Amino acid sequence: MANTTISALANTVAVADLTSNDFIVVDNAVAATTKKLAVQDLKRLTLTSVGTGLNFIKDITSGTLRSRSLAAGSNKVTVTNNSDTLEVDIAEAQIDLSNCNNSTSAFLSAVNATTNITAGTLPVTRGGTGVSTLTDKSILATQLSGTDGLRELTMATNGQLIIGGTSGPQVATLTAGTNTSITNTDGGITINNTYSIPSTYIQTNDNAVLGDISVTGLSTSSSGAVTQTGSLAGGVTLNAVGGTITLFASAITANTNTQFTVVNNQVSSTSVIFLSREFQSNVAANNGVHISLASVSNGSFVINITHTGNQDAASIVRKIHFFVLG
């Protein structure tokens, strides 16, 4: 091959036009050897992406290979160089799920018992029942001690109720007491009174016929008698539960009313006073005189003597009987 110089060459080849037949002579002065180097091996390097991950080599600019660095974007992520491996970790303690939107994130903001819980028994401490099966016609109650489970109270008998007690709630039926009957049905309880009222008692709509009524407790020591003096308006004193008052003997003018006071320490303002009259005459005018109770107060009561006829009543013996109740 003849010697030539660069300046003597008229043609310039583009890198894209190089072929496998283009070589450069390489001379090793020490080994005294001459070799050829394929010019294509000296072509500019190109970057080719492999896989779908992030390319850490950025590019080659003016013969310089530039790379990318991997850094944590927040305190929720840490990046560690472990020999030939870059390790990326999530800092779980730094993740706040309080405002998590399940529609735009992969975190759960709600639990669907059908899709999120597929096996096992949810314990009471997690809001569950702690049991995997339940008996028909039963209700749930807490266990008698502790907090880690529930128990079943089966109610399959008519009239059963949950009754509380020191031993905890239990299933039981009501017990009929004296003169009472209980009928238990499906979903109902009927309580009846079986007491039979004696026929001698007065009941609603009875036509009662009363015989003689006797009053006990009266004796000669609890009754007395007194005679009115001066006039029909003269007051008398008789401290007894019952007694007889003989009125002053005088004529009584027709169509008049006279009052007198009976002082009696057996009387209170709430006492009931019974009065009756005793007149000794068969003349209508004389018997046309009536008596009635005017008022009652502590220690006394007032009696009306009223003549409603149109003829005067003669002076005859007239008596008033009284009885204090209460």
C-alpha atoms as a PDB file:
ATOM      1  CA  MET A   1       0.000   0.000   0.000  1.00  0.00           C
ATOM      2  CA  ALA A   2       1.421   3.357  -0.996  1.00  0.00           C
ATOM      3  CA  ASN A   3       1.938   6.038   1.589  1.00  0.00           C
ATOM      4  CA  THR A   4      -0.733   8.724   1.648  1.00  0.00           C
ATOM      5  CA  THR A   5      -1.647  11.698   3.783  1.00  0.00           C
ATOM      6  CA  ILE A   6      -4.996  12.868   5.206  1.00  0.00           C
ATOM      7  CA  SER A   7      -4.823  16.045   3.189  1.00  0.00           C
ATOM      8  CA  ALA A   8      -4.471  14.050   0.031  1.00  0.00           C
ATOM      9  CA  LEU A   9      -7.783  12.302   0.521  1.00  0.00           C
ATOM     10  CA  ALA A  10     -10.618  14.023  -1.297  1.00  0.00           C
ATOM     11  CA  ASN A  11     -13.601  12.044   0.027  1.00  0.00           C
ATOM     12  CA  THR A  12     -15.076  12.156   3.548  1.00  0.00           C
ATOM     13  CA  VAL A  13     -17.156   9.225   4.766  1.00  0.00           C
ATOM     14  CA  ALA A  14     -20.143   9.674   7.076  1.00  0.00           C
ATOM     15  CA  VAL A  15     -20.505   7.456  10.077  1.00  0.00           C
ATOM     16  CA  ALA A  16     -23.739   6.103   8.670  1.00  0.00           C
ATOM     17  CA  ASP A  17     -21.858   5.049   5.500  1.00  0.00           C
ATOM     18  CA  LEU A  18     -19.270   2.936   7.289  1.00  0.00           C
ATOM     19  CA  THR A  19     -19.436  -0.770   6.532  1.00  0.00           C
ATOM     20  CA  SER A  20     -17.862  -3.852   7.904  1.00  0.00           C
ATOM     21  CA  ASN A  21     -15.186  -3.558   5.180  1.00  0.00           C
ATOM     22  CA  ASP A  22     -13.772  -0.277   6.529  1.00  0.00           C
ATOM     23  CA  PHE A  23     -10.744  -0.642   8.850  1.00  0.00           C
ATOM     24  CA  ILE A  24      -8.065   1.440  10.564  1.00  0.00           C
ATOM     25  CA  VAL A  25      -4.494   0.184  10.815  1.00  0.00           C
ATOM     26  CA  VAL A  26      -3.288  -0.269  14.379  1.00  0.00           C
ATOM     27  CA  ASP A  27       0.494  -0.540  14.834  1.00  0.00           C
ATOM     28  CA  ASN A  28       2.035  -1.838  18.057  1.00  0.00           C
ATOM     29  CA  ALA A  29       5.569  -0.504  18.166  1.00  0.00           C
ATOM     30  CA  VAL A  30       6.613  -2.642  21.125  1.00  0.00           C
ATOM     31  CA  ALA A  31       5.348  -5.918  19.809  1.00  0.00           C
ATOM     32  CA  ALA A  32       6.172  -4.945  16.271  1.00  0.00           C
ATOM     33  CA  THR A  33       2.798  -6.070  15.128  1.00  0.00           C
ATOM     34  CA  THR A  34       0.212  -4.461  12.917  1.00  0.00           C
ATOM     35  CA  LYS A  35      -3.509  -5.095  13.251  1.00  0.00           C
ATOM     36  CA  LYS A  36      -6.739  -3.716  11.818  1.00  0.00           C
ATOM     37  CA  LEU A  37      -9.670  -2.237  13.772  1.00  0.00           C
ATOM     38  CA  ALA A  38     -13.118  -2.256  12.256  1.00  0.00           C
ATOM     39  CA  VAL A  39     -14.216   1.353  11.982  1.00  0.00           C
ATOM     40  CA  GLN A  40     -17.821   0.385  12.903  1.00  0.00           C
ATOM     41  CA  ASP A  41     -16.566  -0.488  16.370  1.00  0.00           C
ATOM     42  CA  LEU A  42     -15.706   3.192  16.822  1.00  0.00           C
ATOM     43  CA  LYS A  43     -19.194   4.426  15.907  1.00  0.00           C
ATOM     44  CA  ARG A  44     -20.976   6.704  18.437  1.00  0.00           C
ATOM     45  CA  LEU A  45     -22.722   4.732  21.206  1.00  0.00           C
ATOM     46  CA  THR A  46     -26.552   4.663  21.285  1.00  0.00           C
ATOM     47  CA  LEU A  47     -28.810   3.985  24.295  1.00  0.00           C
ATOM     48  CA  THR A  48     -31.401   1.255  24.136  1.00  0.00           C
ATOM     49  CA  SER A  49     -34.084   0.812  26.840  1.00  0.00           C
ATOM     50  CA  VAL A  50     -34.537  -2.678  28.228  1.00  0.00           C
ATOM     51  CA  GLY A  51     -37.690  -3.616  30.103  1.00  0.00           C
ATOM     52  CA  THR A  52     -40.374  -1.198  31.349  1.00  0.00           C
ATOM     53  CA  GLY A  53     -38.590   0.266  34.351  1.00  0.00           C
ATOM     54  CA  LEU A  54     -36.816   3.596  34.828  1.00  0.00           C
ATOM     55  CA  ASN A  55     -33.617   4.171  32.732  1.00  0.00           C
ATOM     56  CA  PHE A  56     -30.889   5.302  35.106  1.00  0.00           C
ATOM     57  CA  ILE A  57     -28.504   6.243  32.223  1.00  0.00           C
ATOM     58  CA  LYS A  58     -29.785   9.490  30.803  1.00  0.00           C
ATOM     59  CA  ASP A  59     -27.750  10.014  27.590  1.00  0.00           C
ATOM     60  CA  ILE A  60     -24.295  10.545  26.019  1.00  0.00           C
ATOM     61  CA  THR A  61     -23.553  14.175  25.312  1.00  0.00           C
ATOM     62  CA  SER A  62     -20.306  15.169  23.509  1.00  0.00           C
ATOM     63  CA  GLY A  63     -18.756  11.861  24.429  1.00  0.00           C
ATOM     64  CA  THR A  64     -19.936  12.062  28.072  1.00  0.00           C
ATOM     65  CA  LEU A  65     -22.206   9.399  29.529  1.00  0.00           C
ATOM     66  CA  ARG A  66     -24.779  11.063  31.805  1.00  0.00           C
ATOM     67  CA  SER A  67     -26.849   9.144  34.437  1.00  0.00           C
ATOM     68  CA  ARG A  68     -29.903   9.836  36.621  1.00  0.00           C
ATOM     69  CA  SER A  69     -29.956   9.713  40.418  1.00  0.00           C
ATOM     70  CA  LEU A  70     -32.715   8.032  42.498  1.00  0.00           C
ATOM     71  CA  ALA A  71     -33.796  10.061  45.575  1.00  0.00           C
ATOM     72  CA  ALA A  72     -36.675   9.891  48.083  1.00  0.00           C
ATOM     73  CA  GLY A  73     -39.419  12.409  47.292  1.00  0.00           C
ATOM     74  CA  SER A  74     -40.670  12.609  50.924  1.00  0.00           C
ATOM     75  CA  ASN A  75     -40.129  11.101  54.354  1.00  0.00           C
ATOM     76  CA  LYS A  76     -42.589   8.355  53.421  1.00  0.00           C
ATOM     77  CA  VAL A  77     -39.914   6.709  51.190  1.00  0.00           C
ATOM     78  CA  THR A  78     -36.269   5.790  51.875  1.00  0.00           C
ATOM     79  CA  VAL A  79     -33.601   4.883  49.243  1.00  0.00           C
ATOM     80  CA  THR A  80     -30.592   2.794  50.288  1.00  0.00           C
ATOM     81  CA  ASN A  81     -27.518   1.803  48.209  1.00  0.00           C
ATOM     82  CA  ASN A  82     -26.881  -1.808  49.174  1.00  0.00           C
ATOM     83  CA  SER A  83     -23.793  -2.974  47.227  1.00  0.00           C
ATOM     84  CA  ASP A  84     -24.969  -3.391  43.618  1.00  0.00           C
ATOM     85  CA  THR A  85     -28.647  -2.983  44.540  1.00  0.00           C
ATOM     86  CA  LEU A  86     -30.704   0.127  45.180  1.00  0.00           C
ATOM     87  CA  GLU A  87     -33.333  -0.609  47.860  1.00  0.00           C
ATOM     88  CA  VAL A  88     -36.505   1.489  48.061  1.00  0.00           C
ATOM     89  CA  ASP A  89     -38.584   1.132  51.265  1.00  0.00           C
ATOM     90  CA  ILE A  90     -41.965   2.597  52.350  1.00  0.00           C
ATOM     91  CA  ALA A  91     -41.984   4.218  55.810  1.00  0.00           C
ATOM     92  CA  GLU A  92     -45.362   2.894  57.039  1.00  0.00           C
ATOM     93  CA  ALA A  93     -45.390   5.091  60.141  1.00  0.00           C
ATOM     94  CA  GLN A  94     -45.311   8.193  57.935  1.00  0.00           C
ATOM     95  CA  ILE A  95     -48.420   7.275  55.905  1.00  0.00           C
ATOM     96  CA  ASP A  96     -51.645   9.041  56.989  1.00  0.00           C
ATOM     97  CA  LEU A  97     -54.806   7.212  55.876  1.00  0.00           C
ATOM     98  CA  SER A  98     -57.281   9.468  57.697  1.00  0.00           C
ATOM     99  CA  ASN A  99     -58.226  11.281  54.487  1.00  0.00           C
ATOM    100  CA  CYS A 100     -57.763   8.355  52.181  1.00  0.00           C
ATOM    101  CA  ASN A 101     -60.058   8.325  49.156  1.00  0.00           C
ATOM    102  CA  ASN A 102     -60.622   4.708  48.214  1.00  0.00           C
ATOM    103  CA  SER A 103     -61.749   5.703  44.705  1.00  0.00           C
ATOM    104  CA  THR A 104     -58.340   7.206  43.826  1.00  0.00           C
ATOM    105  CA  SER A 105     -55.936   5.149  45.934  1.00  0.00           C
ATOM    106  CA  ALA A 106     -55.109   1.539  46.606  1.00  0.00           C
ATOM    107  CA  PHE A 107     -55.777   1.851  50.348  1.00  0.00           C
ATOM    108  CA  LEU A 108     -59.012   0.709  52.011  1.00  0.00           C
ATOM    109  CA  SER A 109     -61.161   3.468  53.498  1.00  0.00           C
ATOM    110  CA  ALA A 110     -64.051   1.059  54.159  1.00  0.00           C
ATOM    111  CA  VAL A 111     -64.382  -2.674  54.652  1.00  0.00           C
ATOM    112  CA  ASN A 112     -66.785  -4.778  52.643  1.00  0.00           C
ATOM    113  CA  ALA A 113     -67.539  -7.857  54.739  1.00  0.00           C
ATOM    114  CA  THR A 114     -68.252  -9.841  51.570  1.00  0.00           C
ATOM    115  CA  THR A 115     -65.087  -9.095  49.606  1.00  0.00           C
ATOM    116  CA  ASN A 116     -62.535  -7.995  52.250  1.00  0.00           C
ATOM    117  CA  ILE A 117     -63.247 -10.732  54.824  1.00  0.00           C
ATOM    118  CA  THR A 118     -63.235 -14.165  53.242  1.00  0.00           C
ATOM    119  CA  ALA A 119     -62.181 -16.513  56.046  1.00  0.00           C
ATOM    120  CA  GLY A 120     -62.058 -16.878  59.820  1.00  0.00           C
ATOM    121  CA  THR A 121     -64.336 -15.625  62.611  1.00  0.00           C
ATOM    122  CA  LEU A 122     -64.343 -11.920  63.454  1.00  0.00           C
ATOM    123  CA  PRO A 123     -63.734 -11.611  67.232  1.00  0.00           C
ATOM    124  CA  VAL A 124     -65.693  -9.400  69.588  1.00  0.00           C
ATOM    125  CA  THR A 125     -62.632  -7.185  70.024  1.00  0.00           C
ATOM    126  CA  ARG A 126     -62.862  -6.369  66.311  1.00  0.00           C
ATOM    127  CA  GLY A 127     -66.595  -5.708  66.300  1.00  0.00           C
ATOM    128  CA  GLY A 128     -67.629  -9.278  65.515  1.00  0.00           C
ATOM    129  CA  THR A 129     -69.664 -11.891  67.366  1.00  0.00           C
ATOM    130  CA  GLY A 130     -66.855 -14.347  68.039  1.00  0.00           C
ATOM    131  CA  VAL A 131     -69.008 -17.211  66.774  1.00  0.00           C
ATOM    132  CA  SER A 132     -69.241 -18.771  63.316  1.00  0.00           C
ATOM    133  CA  THR A 133     -72.688 -20.391  63.621  1.00  0.00           C
ATOM    134  CA  LEU A 134     -75.916 -19.491  65.452  1.00  0.00           C
ATOM    135  CA  THR A 135     -78.771 -21.625  66.717  1.00  0.00           C
ATOM    136  CA  ASP A 136     -82.244 -21.042  65.284  1.00  0.00           C
ATOM    137  CA  LYS A 137     -84.710 -19.014  67.389  1.00  0.00           C
ATOM    138  CA  SER A 138     -81.981 -17.594  69.628  1.00  0.00           C
ATOM    139  CA  ILE A 139     -80.743 -14.189  70.718  1.00  0.00           C
ATOM    140  CA  LEU A 140     -77.212 -13.175  71.670  1.00  0.00           C
ATOM    141  CA  ALA A 141     -76.050 -12.119  75.124  1.00  0.00           C
ATOM    142  CA  THR A 142     -72.626 -11.452  76.549  1.00  0.00           C
ATOM    143  CA  GLN A 143     -70.846 -14.216  78.344  1.00  0.00           C
ATOM    144  CA  LEU A 144     -71.267 -14.348  82.118  1.00  0.00           C
ATOM    145  CA  SER A 145     -67.717 -13.045  82.676  1.00  0.00           C
ATOM    146  CA  GLY A 146     -64.987 -11.638  80.466  1.00  0.00           C
ATOM    147  CA  THR A 147     -65.292  -9.706  77.210  1.00  0.00           C
ATOM    148  CA  ASP A 148     -64.077 -12.083  74.497  1.00  0.00           C
ATOM    149  CA  GLY A 149     -67.259 -13.862  73.453  1.00  0.00           C
ATOM    150  CA  LEU A 150     -71.024 -14.061  73.203  1.00  0.00           C
ATOM    151  CA  ARG A 151     -73.454 -16.794  74.161  1.00  0.00           C
ATOM    152  CA  GLU A 152     -76.801 -17.843  72.763  1.00  0.00           C
ATOM    153  CA  LEU A 153     -80.114 -17.805  74.607  1.00  0.00           C
ATOM    154  CA  THR A 154     -82.503 -20.061  72.738  1.00  0.00           C
ATOM    155  CA  MET A 155     -86.174 -18.996  72.848  1.00  0.00           C
ATOM    156  CA  ALA A 156     -88.105 -21.803  71.158  1.00  0.00           C
ATOM    157  CA  THR A 157     -90.902 -22.183  73.759  1.00  0.00           C
ATOM    158  CA  ASN A 158     -94.121 -20.123  73.841  1.00  0.00           C
ATOM    159  CA  GLY A 159     -94.156 -17.311  76.415  1.00  0.00           C
ATOM    160  CA  GLN A 160     -90.421 -17.214  77.075  1.00  0.00           C
ATOM    161  CA  LEU A 161     -88.848 -13.928  78.172  1.00  0.00           C
ATOM    162  CA  ILE A 162     -85.350 -12.708  78.947  1.00  0.00           C
ATOM    163  CA  ILE A 163     -85.190 -12.254  82.737  1.00  0.00           C
ATOM    164  CA  GLY A 164     -82.276 -10.383  84.286  1.00  0.00           C
ATOM    165  CA  GLY A 165     -80.647 -11.341  87.572  1.00  0.00           C
ATOM    166  CA  THR A 166     -77.441 -11.476  89.565  1.00  0.00           C
ATOM    167  CA  SER A 167     -76.481 -14.616  87.618  1.00  0.00           C
ATOM    168  CA  GLY A 168     -76.938 -12.834  84.306  1.00  0.00           C
ATOM    169  CA  PRO A 169     -79.869 -12.773  81.842  1.00  0.00           C
ATOM    170  CA  GLN A 170     -81.654 -16.097  81.424  1.00  0.00           C
ATOM    171  CA  VAL A 171     -84.579 -17.442  79.405  1.00  0.00           C
ATOM    172  CA  ALA A 172     -87.656 -18.169  81.557  1.00  0.00           C
ATOM    173  CA  THR A 173     -91.466 -18.063  81.558  1.00  0.00           C
ATOM    174  CA  LEU A 174     -93.725 -16.219  83.981  1.00  0.00           C
ATOM    175  CA  THR A 175     -95.059 -18.133  86.990  1.00  0.00           C
ATOM    176  CA  ALA A 176     -98.709 -17.734  87.960  1.00  0.00           C
ATOM    177  CA  GLY A 177     -99.300 -16.600  91.530  1.00  0.00           C
ATOM    178  CA  THR A 178    -102.356 -16.938  93.752  1.00  0.00           C
ATOM    179  CA  ASN A 179    -105.680 -16.367  91.967  1.00  0.00           C
ATOM    180  CA  THR A 180    -103.820 -15.838  88.662  1.00  0.00           C
ATOM    181  CA  SER A 181    -103.561 -17.901  85.477  1.00  0.00           C
ATOM    182  CA  ILE A 182    -101.052 -17.490  82.644  1.00  0.00           C
ATOM    183  CA  THR A 183    -101.583 -18.694  79.074  1.00  0.00           C
ATOM    184  CA  ASN A 184     -98.517 -18.720  76.801  1.00  0.00           C
ATOM    185  CA  THR A 185     -99.003 -18.637  73.022  1.00  0.00           C
ATOM    186  CA  ASP A 186     -96.722 -18.256  70.020  1.00  0.00           C
ATOM    187  CA  GLY A 187     -95.578 -14.660  70.484  1.00  0.00           C
ATOM    188  CA  GLY A 188     -98.031 -13.800  73.275  1.00  0.00           C
ATOM    189  CA  ILE A 189     -98.705 -14.055  77.018  1.00  0.00           C
ATOM    190  CA  THR A 190    -102.174 -13.738  78.570  1.00  0.00           C
ATOM    191  CA  ILE A 191    -102.551 -13.141  82.327  1.00  0.00           C
ATOM    192  CA  ASN A 192    -105.976 -13.629  83.941  1.00  0.00           C
ATOM    193  CA  ASN A 193    -107.338 -13.038  87.439  1.00  0.00           C
ATOM    194  CA  THR A 194    -109.047 -16.183  88.707  1.00  0.00           C
ATOM    195  CA  TYR A 195    -110.224 -14.737  92.040  1.00  0.00           C
ATOM    196  CA  SER A 196    -113.927 -15.305  92.645  1.00  0.00           C
ATOM    197  CA  ILE A 197    -115.625 -12.538  94.632  1.00  0.00           C
ATOM    198  CA  PRO A 198    -117.926 -13.994  97.332  1.00  0.00           C
ATOM    199  CA  SER A 199    -121.636 -13.516  96.706  1.00  0.00           C
ATOM    200  CA  THR A 200    -121.940 -11.703 100.039  1.00  0.00           C
ATOM    201  CA  TYR A 201    -119.876  -8.787  98.672  1.00  0.00           C
ATOM    202  CA  ILE A 202    -121.627  -5.866  97.005  1.00  0.00           C
ATOM    203  CA  GLN A 203    -120.482  -5.584  93.373  1.00  0.00           C
ATOM    204  CA  THR A 204    -121.237  -3.313  90.440  1.00  0.00           C
ATOM    205  CA  ASN A 205    -124.863  -3.432  89.301  1.00  0.00           C
ATOM    206  CA  ASP A 206    -125.929  -5.371  92.421  1.00  0.00           C
ATOM    207  CA  ASN A 207    -129.301  -4.487  93.908  1.00  0.00           C
ATOM    208  CA  ALA A 208    -128.232  -4.489  97.538  1.00  0.00           C
ATOM    209  CA  VAL A 209    -130.779  -4.811 100.341  1.00  0.00           C
ATOM    210  CA  LEU A 210    -129.411  -3.700 103.704  1.00  0.00           C
ATOM    211  CA  GLY A 211    -130.835  -5.091 106.910  1.00  0.00           C
ATOM    212  CA  ASP A 212    -130.450  -3.664 110.392  1.00  0.00           C
ATOM    213  CA  ILE A 213    -127.260  -1.733 110.951  1.00  0.00           C
ATOM    214  CA  SER A 214    -125.731  -1.866 114.381  1.00  0.00           C
ATOM    215  CA  VAL A 215    -123.131   0.527 115.716  1.00  0.00           C
ATOM    216  CA  THR A 216    -120.691  -0.735 118.293  1.00  0.00           C
ATOM    217  CA  GLY A 217    -118.657   1.362 120.673  1.00  0.00           C
ATOM    218  CA  LEU A 218    -121.544   3.393 122.179  1.00  0.00           C
ATOM    219  CA  SER A 219    -122.301   2.976 125.840  1.00  0.00           C
ATOM    220  CA  THR A 220    -123.764   4.986 128.698  1.00  0.00           C
ATOM    221  CA  SER A 221    -120.276   6.378 129.290  1.00  0.00           C
ATOM    222  CA  SER A 222    -120.043   7.699 125.711  1.00  0.00           C
ATOM    223  CA  SER A 223    -123.545   9.182 125.451  1.00  0.00           C
ATOM    224  CA  GLY A 224    -125.359  11.790 127.484  1.00  0.00           C
ATOM    225  CA  ALA A 225    -128.305  14.166 127.786  1.00  0.00           C
ATOM    226  CA  VAL A 226    -128.772  17.911 128.265  1.00  0.00           C
ATOM    227  CA  THR A 227    -131.764  20.307 128.546  1.00  0.00           C
ATOM    228  CA  GLN A 228    -131.880  23.673 126.825  1.00  0.00           C
ATOM    229  CA  THR A 229    -132.819  26.629 129.021  1.00  0.00           C
ATOM    230  CA  GLY A 230    -133.841  30.226 128.482  1.00  0.00           C
ATOM    231  CA  SER A 231    -134.931  29.986 124.830  1.00  0.00           C
ATOM    232  CA  LEU A 232    -134.665  27.904 121.705  1.00  0.00           C
ATOM    233  CA  ALA A 233    -131.544  29.924 120.793  1.00  0.00           C
ATOM    234  CA  GLY A 234    -129.762  29.016 124.008  1.00  0.00           C
ATOM    235  CA  GLY A 235    -126.562  27.038 123.600  1.00  0.00           C
ATOM    236  CA  VAL A 236    -125.900  23.723 125.366  1.00  0.00           C
ATOM    237  CA  THR A 237    -122.795  21.707 126.257  1.00  0.00           C
ATOM    238  CA  LEU A 238    -122.665  17.923 125.968  1.00  0.00           C
ATOM    239  CA  ASN A 239    -119.246  16.272 125.592  1.00  0.00           C
ATOM    240  CA  ALA A 240    -120.273  12.857 124.286  1.00  0.00           C
ATOM    241  CA  VAL A 241    -120.196  10.829 121.061  1.00  0.00           C
ATOM    242  CA  GLY A 242    -123.986  10.735 121.109  1.00  0.00           C
ATOM    243  CA  GLY A 243    -126.809  12.081 123.182  1.00  0.00           C
ATOM    244  CA  THR A 244    -130.226  13.695 123.599  1.00  0.00           C
ATOM    245  CA  ILE A 245    -130.962  17.425 123.717  1.00  0.00           C
ATOM    246  CA  THR A 246    -134.345  18.428 125.250  1.00  0.00           C
ATOM    247  CA  LEU A 247    -135.331  21.729 123.691  1.00  0.00           C
ATOM    248  CA  PHE A 248    -136.678  24.700 125.642  1.00  0.00           C
ATOM    249  CA  ALA A 249    -140.484  24.369 125.918  1.00  0.00           C
ATOM    250  CA  SER A 250    -141.949  27.290 124.011  1.00  0.00           C
ATOM    251  CA  ALA A 251    -144.272  28.044 121.154  1.00  0.00           C
ATOM    252  CA  ILE A 252    -142.679  28.373 117.699  1.00  0.00           C
ATOM    253  CA  THR A 253    -143.896  31.045 115.284  1.00  0.00           C
ATOM    254  CA  ALA A 254    -144.818  29.831 111.800  1.00  0.00           C
ATOM    255  CA  ASN A 255    -142.322  30.368 108.965  1.00  0.00           C
ATOM    256  CA  THR A 256    -139.316  31.084 111.247  1.00  0.00           C
ATOM    257  CA  ASN A 257    -135.844  29.638 111.797  1.00  0.00           C
ATOM    258  CA  THR A 258    -133.840  29.566 115.042  1.00  0.00           C
ATOM    259  CA  GLN A 259    -130.238  28.362 115.572  1.00  0.00           C
ATOM    260  CA  PHE A 260    -128.402  27.177 118.683  1.00  0.00           C
ATOM    261  CA  THR A 261    -124.867  25.877 119.309  1.00  0.00           C
ATOM    262  CA  VAL A 262    -123.930  22.531 120.853  1.00  0.00           C
ATOM    263  CA  VAL A 263    -120.474  22.607 122.472  1.00  0.00           C
ATOM    264  CA  ASN A 264    -118.913  19.106 122.272  1.00  0.00           C
ATOM    265  CA  ASN A 265    -115.216  18.203 122.635  1.00  0.00           C
ATOM    266  CA  GLN A 266    -115.782  14.997 120.628  1.00  0.00           C
ATOM    267  CA  VAL A 267    -116.437  17.025 117.476  1.00  0.00           C
ATOM    268  CA  SER A 268    -113.851  18.105 114.879  1.00  0.00           C
ATOM    269  CA  SER A 269    -114.297  20.140 111.709  1.00  0.00           C
ATOM    270  CA  THR A 270    -114.366  16.890 109.690  1.00  0.00           C
ATOM    271  CA  SER A 271    -116.886  15.060 111.875  1.00  0.00           C
ATOM    272  CA  VAL A 272    -120.169  13.807 110.461  1.00  0.00           C
ATOM    273  CA  ILE A 273    -123.180  14.657 112.677  1.00  0.00           C
ATOM    274  CA  PHE A 274    -126.357  12.587 112.493  1.00  0.00           C
ATOM    275  CA  LEU A 275    -129.568  14.227 113.818  1.00  0.00           C
ATOM    276  CA  SER A 276    -133.073  12.911 114.496  1.00  0.00           C
ATOM    277  CA  ARG A 277    -136.092  14.520 116.199  1.00  0.00           C
ATOM    278  CA  GLU A 278    -138.604  13.327 118.828  1.00  0.00           C
ATOM    279  CA  PHE A 279    -141.876  15.374 119.158  1.00  0.00           C
ATOM    280  CA  GLN A 280    -144.805  14.433 121.454  1.00  0.00           C
ATOM    281  CA  SER A 281    -147.847  15.666 119.526  1.00  0.00           C
ATOM    282  CA  ASN A 282    -150.399  14.506 116.960  1.00  0.00           C
ATOM    283  CA  VAL A 283    -151.162  18.043 115.780  1.00  0.00           C
ATOM    284  CA  ALA A 284    -149.838  18.860 112.321  1.00  0.00           C
ATOM    285  CA  ALA A 285    -148.820  22.404 113.222  1.00  0.00           C
ATOM    286  CA  ASN A 286    -146.798  21.132 116.181  1.00  0.00           C
ATOM    287  CA  ASN A 287    -145.055  18.507 114.056  1.00  0.00           C
ATOM    288  CA  GLY A 288    -144.352  20.916 111.208  1.00  0.00           C
ATOM    289  CA  VAL A 289    -141.086  21.866 112.931  1.00  0.00           C
ATOM    290  CA  HIS A 290    -137.903  20.495 111.344  1.00  0.00           C
ATOM    291  CA  ILE A 291    -134.268  20.269 112.416  1.00  0.00           C
ATOM    292  CA  SER A 292    -131.105  20.350 110.317  1.00  0.00           C
ATOM    293  CA  LEU A 293    -127.349  20.769 110.700  1.00  0.00           C
ATOM    294  CA  ALA A 294    -126.133  24.311 110.045  1.00  0.00           C
ATOM    295  CA  SER A 295    -122.334  23.975 110.494  1.00  0.00           C
ATOM    296  CA  VAL A 296    -119.550  21.909 112.105  1.00  0.00           C
ATOM    297  CA  SER A 297    -116.277  23.165 113.616  1.00  0.00           C
ATOM    298  CA  ASN A 298    -113.674  21.979 116.066  1.00  0.00           C
ATOM    299  CA  GLY A 299    -115.426  21.489 119.424  1.00  0.00           C
ATOM    300  CA  SER A 300    -118.997  22.389 118.383  1.00  0.00           C
ATOM    301  CA  PHE A 301    -121.802  22.186 115.825  1.00  0.00           C
ATOM    302  CA  VAL A 302    -124.879  24.374 115.098  1.00  0.00           C
ATOM    303  CA  ILE A 303    -128.482  23.113 114.692  1.00  0.00           C
ATOM    304  CA  ASN A 304    -131.337  24.793 112.781  1.00  0.00           C
ATOM    305  CA  ILE A 305    -134.903  24.705 114.214  1.00  0.00           C
ATOM    306  CA  THR A 306    -137.193  25.583 111.291  1.00  0.00           C
ATOM    307  CA  HIS A 307    -141.007  25.924 111.165  1.00  0.00           C
ATOM    308  CA  THR A 308    -142.219  26.024 107.539  1.00  0.00           C
ATOM    309  CA  GLY A 309    -145.944  25.804 108.286  1.00  0.00           C
ATOM    310  CA  ASN A 310    -148.460  28.670 108.221  1.00  0.00           C
ATOM    311  CA  GLN A 311    -149.669  28.075 111.794  1.00  0.00           C
ATOM    312  CA  ASP A 312    -147.702  28.556 115.006  1.00  0.00           C
ATOM    313  CA  ALA A 313    -146.566  25.424 116.844  1.00  0.00           C
ATOM    314  CA  ALA A 314    -147.594  25.012 120.468  1.00  0.00           C
ATOM    315  CA  SER A 315    -145.251  24.649 123.391  1.00  0.00           C
ATOM    316  CA  ILE A 316    -144.691  20.890 123.650  1.00  0.00           C
ATOM    317  CA  VAL A 317    -141.824  18.602 124.630  1.00  0.00           C
ATOM    318  CA  ARG A 318    -139.346  18.380 121.759  1.00  0.00           C
ATOM    319  CA  LYS A 319    -136.078  16.382 121.748  1.00  0.00           C
ATOM    320  CA  ILE A 320    -133.154  16.136 119.335  1.00  0.00           C
ATOM    321  CA  HIS A 321    -130.940  13.039 119.216  1.00  0.00           C
ATOM    322  CA  PHE A 322    -127.408  13.284 117.737  1.00  0.00           C
ATOM    323  CA  PHE A 323    -124.479  11.025 116.936  1.00  0.00           C
ATOM    324  CA  VAL A 324    -120.896  12.120 116.117  1.00  0.00           C
ATOM    325  CA  LEU A 325    -118.967  10.084 113.548  1.00  0.00           C
ATOM    326  CA  GLY A 326    -115.287  10.791 113.132  1.00  0.00           C
END
